[in-house]
Structures are given as C-alpha cells and as structure tokens.
Protein backbone atom coordinates (compact mmCIF):
# COMPACT_ATOMS: atom_id res chain seq x y z
CA UNK A 1 56.87 71.98 180.73
CA UNK A 2 58.96 71.64 183.67
CA UNK A 3 62.38 70.26 183.40
CA UNK A 4 61.15 67.63 186.59
CA UNK A 5 58.32 66.31 184.35
CA UNK A 6 60.67 65.77 181.47
CA UNK A 7 62.98 63.55 183.56
CA UNK A 8 60.17 61.59 184.95
CA UNK A 9 59.06 60.68 181.76
CA UNK A 10 62.47 59.72 180.17
CA UNK A 11 64.57 58.53 183.04
CA UNK A 12 64.30 55.68 185.86
CA UNK A 13 66.21 56.72 188.74
CA UNK A 14 68.52 54.57 191.71
CA UNK A 15 69.02 56.19 194.23
CA UNK A 16 72.17 53.73 196.79
CA UNK A 17 71.57 55.45 200.47
CA UNK A 18 74.81 53.71 201.15
CA UNK A 19 77.06 55.65 198.88
CA UNK A 20 74.65 58.67 198.05
CA UNK A 21 74.68 57.75 194.47
CA UNK A 22 71.93 58.56 192.07
CA UNK A 23 71.86 56.43 188.78
CA UNK A 24 69.90 57.47 185.78
CA UNK A 25 68.60 54.57 183.20
CA UNK A 26 66.63 55.32 180.20
CA UNK A 27 63.23 54.14 180.91
CA UNK A 28 63.11 52.15 178.10
CA UNK A 29 65.61 50.05 178.41
CA UNK A 30 65.15 47.01 180.35
CA UNK A 31 65.53 47.58 184.27
CA UNK A 32 69.49 47.03 185.42
CA UNK A 33 67.96 45.67 189.21
CA UNK A 34 70.82 47.76 190.59
CA UNK A 35 72.25 46.64 193.82
CA UNK A 36 74.74 48.18 196.81
CA UNK A 37 77.11 45.15 197.71
CA UNK A 38 78.38 45.90 201.30
CA UNK A 39 81.59 43.30 201.03
CA UNK A 40 82.44 44.67 197.53
CA UNK A 41 81.80 48.59 199.16
CA UNK A 42 79.57 48.95 195.43
CA UNK A 43 76.81 49.21 193.66
CA UNK A 44 76.05 46.42 190.94
CA UNK A 45 73.68 45.15 189.05
CA UNK A 46 71.71 42.00 188.06
CA UNK A 47 69.59 42.31 191.29
CA UNK A 48 70.90 41.37 194.95
CA UNK A 49 68.40 37.75 194.68
CA UNK A 50 70.74 36.70 191.85
CA UNK A 51 74.41 37.09 193.26
CA UNK A 52 76.47 36.25 196.13
CA UNK A 53 79.11 38.00 198.12
CA UNK A 54 82.58 35.26 198.55
CA UNK A 55 84.77 36.72 201.54
CA UNK A 56 87.10 35.07 200.05
CA UNK A 57 87.58 36.10 196.49
CA UNK A 58 86.10 39.64 197.65
CA UNK A 59 83.47 39.74 195.31
CA UNK A 60 80.12 39.06 193.34
CA UNK A 61 79.41 35.81 191.96
CA UNK A 62 76.34 34.17 190.45
CA UNK A 63 73.94 31.89 192.75
CA UNK A 64 74.94 29.07 190.01
CA UNK A 65 78.48 29.24 191.37
CA UNK A 66 77.78 29.43 195.22
CA UNK A 67 79.14 25.65 195.84
CA UNK A 68 81.08 25.08 192.81
CA UNK A 69 83.52 28.03 192.32
CA UNK A 70 86.88 28.16 192.98
CA UNK A 71 87.88 30.46 195.43
CA UNK A 72 91.26 32.59 194.48
CA UNK A 73 91.75 35.29 196.89
CA UNK A 74 90.85 38.68 195.23
CA UNK A 75 89.69 37.10 192.25
CA UNK A 76 88.38 40.24 190.39
CA UNK A 77 90.55 42.77 191.74
CA UNK A 78 92.57 42.63 188.93
CA UNK A 79 92.79 43.24 185.05
CA UNK A 80 91.35 40.75 182.61
CA UNK A 81 94.16 38.78 181.38
CA UNK A 82 92.99 39.15 177.37
CA UNK A 83 91.40 43.19 177.47
CA UNK A 84 93.14 44.26 180.63
CA UNK A 85 90.71 46.13 181.88
CA UNK A 86 90.09 46.09 185.41
CA UNK A 87 87.58 43.50 186.03
CA UNK A 88 86.41 44.30 189.86
CA UNK A 89 83.75 47.42 188.62
CA UNK A 90 83.58 46.49 184.90
CA UNK A 91 80.08 46.54 183.54
CA UNK A 92 80.93 43.60 181.18
CA UNK A 93 79.93 39.81 181.89
CA UNK A 94 82.48 38.24 183.92
CA UNK A 95 82.99 34.50 183.65
CA UNK A 96 85.01 32.46 186.63
CA UNK A 97 86.85 29.73 184.85
CA UNK A 98 87.52 26.06 186.51
CA UNK A 99 90.83 27.07 188.16
CA UNK A 100 89.12 30.31 190.01
CA UNK A 101 90.53 33.29 187.87
CA UNK A 102 87.76 35.47 186.07
CA UNK A 103 87.97 37.01 182.76
CA UNK A 104 85.55 38.58 180.61
CA UNK A 105 82.52 36.49 179.23
CA UNK A 106 82.84 38.32 175.81
CA UNK A 107 87.21 37.72 175.94
CA UNK A 108 86.77 34.02 176.92
CA UNK A 109 84.57 33.98 173.75
CA UNK A 110 87.31 35.48 171.79
CA UNK A 111 89.92 32.99 172.91
CA UNK A 112 87.52 30.15 171.98
CA UNK A 113 87.06 31.62 168.38
CA UNK A 114 90.89 31.41 168.65
CA UNK A 115 91.48 27.97 169.58
CA UNK A 116 92.45 28.85 172.78
CA UNK A 117 90.77 26.53 175.36
CA UNK A 118 93.30 27.41 178.61
CA UNK A 119 93.51 30.46 181.53
CA UNK A 120 95.82 32.56 180.18
CA UNK A 121 97.09 32.97 183.62
CA UNK A 122 97.65 29.38 184.83
CA UNK A 123 97.43 27.55 181.55
CA UNK A 124 94.94 25.35 183.24
CA UNK A 125 91.47 24.05 180.78
CA UNK A 126 88.89 26.65 180.83
CA UNK A 127 85.87 24.19 180.23
CA UNK A 128 85.37 21.12 179.87
CA UNK A 129 88.07 19.21 177.27
CA UNK A 130 86.73 15.49 177.98
CA UNK A 131 84.99 14.90 174.69
CA UNK A 132 88.31 16.56 172.67
CA UNK A 133 90.60 14.51 174.52
CA UNK A 134 88.59 11.61 173.93
CA UNK A 135 88.94 12.38 169.91
CA UNK A 136 92.59 12.85 170.65
CA UNK A 137 93.22 9.55 171.91
CA UNK A 138 91.84 8.12 168.40
CA UNK A 139 94.06 9.80 166.19
CA UNK A 140 97.30 9.35 168.35
CA UNK A 141 95.99 5.87 168.35
CA UNK A 142 95.10 5.18 164.35
CA UNK A 143 98.63 7.69 163.91
CA UNK A 144 101.43 5.09 164.70
CA UNK A 145 105.33 7.18 165.05
CA UNK A 146 108.22 6.08 163.08
CA UNK A 147 109.99 3.00 164.20
CA UNK A 148 112.96 5.10 165.82
CA UNK A 149 110.53 7.55 167.66
CA UNK A 150 108.55 4.31 168.91
CA UNK A 151 110.53 3.97 172.43
CA UNK A 152 111.55 7.57 172.31
CA UNK A 153 110.53 8.60 176.23
CA UNK A 154 109.82 12.51 177.26
CA UNK A 155 108.92 14.23 180.29
CA UNK A 156 106.11 16.32 180.34
CA UNK A 157 104.00 18.31 183.07
CA UNK A 158 100.07 18.52 183.27
CA UNK A 159 98.58 22.25 182.89
CA UNK A 160 95.67 20.64 184.39
CA UNK A 161 96.78 18.37 187.48
CA UNK A 162 100.47 19.25 187.92
CA UNK A 163 101.57 15.90 187.85
CA UNK A 164 104.99 15.31 186.14
CA UNK A 165 105.33 11.95 183.86
CA UNK A 166 107.43 10.21 182.10
CA UNK A 167 105.36 9.15 178.18
CA UNK A 168 106.13 8.37 175.11
CA UNK A 169 106.73 10.80 172.54
CA UNK A 170 104.16 11.79 170.11
CA UNK A 171 103.84 14.16 167.44
CA UNK A 172 99.99 14.94 168.20
CA UNK A 173 100.38 15.25 171.69
CA UNK A 174 101.15 13.53 175.14
CA UNK A 175 98.47 12.20 177.32
CA UNK A 176 98.70 12.91 181.16
CA UNK A 177 98.79 9.39 182.96
CA UNK A 178 97.13 10.96 186.16
CA UNK A 179 93.58 12.82 184.72
CA UNK A 180 93.74 12.12 180.62
CA UNK A 181 93.76 15.07 180.16
CA UNK A 182 96.73 16.40 176.71
CA UNK A 183 97.00 19.65 177.95
CA UNK A 184 100.46 18.92 179.11
CA UNK A 185 104.19 20.40 177.59
CA UNK A 186 107.18 19.20 177.34
CA UNK A 187 110.12 19.30 180.33
CA UNK A 188 112.50 17.88 179.21
CA UNK A 189 113.91 15.12 176.82
CA UNK A 190 114.95 11.67 178.01
CA UNK A 191 118.85 11.89 178.50
CA UNK A 192 120.97 10.60 175.09
CA UNK A 193 122.15 7.16 174.45
CA UNK A 194 125.86 8.63 174.16
CA UNK A 195 126.73 12.20 174.11
CA UNK A 196 130.30 14.15 172.90
CA UNK A 197 131.78 16.36 174.92
CA UNK A 198 134.07 18.14 172.72
C-alpha cells in the first residue's frame, strides 16, 4: 500500500493559500473548520461564519459578542492573567469579560471554583453579580453592627463603576451607592475624633 493512500485514509488536509500552510487532522475527529483571518494574520478554528474580526481589539470574537463586547485595544495580544499562556494564538477557548479583558475559559471556570468572581486585571465583576448583591443586602440588614460601629463612616472605591463614596462601615461588605455593587475596597477611614501626636 502506498504512503499516499494511507494518508488519505487516516488524515484530512487543510491548506491555507495565504500562509501556504498545510494542516493535518485525524479523519475520525470532528472537523475543526479552519479558516484564515486576514485581520489576525493567522489561521483559526471554529468556522469563519461563526466569528468576526474586531479591528480595534485586533482579534476574532464569536458573533454572539458582535454588538455587546467592550473593545480593548489588542485585547488578546497578551498572556492569560491566570495561567500566563499567550492568548492570541491559543487553541483553547477564550472568554471576553464584561470589562473587555480576555482570559482562557477554563481559567475562568477555575477562578469561579475558588470563589473568585472579578477580573484579575482590573477587578471589575467578571459576571452578573446582582443576585449575589441582593443576598448580601439581606445579610447586611439582618446583621446590625455593635453600637460603637454604627456611626463609623469609611471611604470606598467601587471596582465596578469607579465611584469613590463615603459609606457606613459594615463587617460583611460595603455597598456602592452608585451601582449597588459590593465589589468595593476601602480607600481610607474617617479621620479619628482625637489624635495625639508624640
């Protein structure tokens, strides 16, 4: 039996005329639907009909995100913030977060399994957290602070909307008055009533 006939039986060929590149895939695998993206300058998998190239981001996204993704210049031209693998030419599934930053989908699932729900780059919420914020509202309402802390005010920065606010201190969390998110961090405490200098 000739080598050529063996290859035709076991392999499927894909040829990119632009890059003059030949891809081999095992015949029994599901087709990878390879296509060349002129904007990216590389061949991608998944089918050209399922993706669009965003010139501002400099990469291809699923058509599901066409009118809703937040553009970040060269969004995939960096390493995944979790596993540090280069994203642009990765063969793994990639997720675009609400903030526009990109991350491997499996890394996002890994973060969620460890109760990490914010973007590792900018700290904005990585998914819709409104249900969690409602539950936290109920917990805060059911947990009054001791008298000595009831009038304590602190300054917070909201990681979701960027608003700086002066809010009442609570041990469970600090709610942003602008967007109702608890994805906040304390920036400074209220000045002490009396401070002594030595």
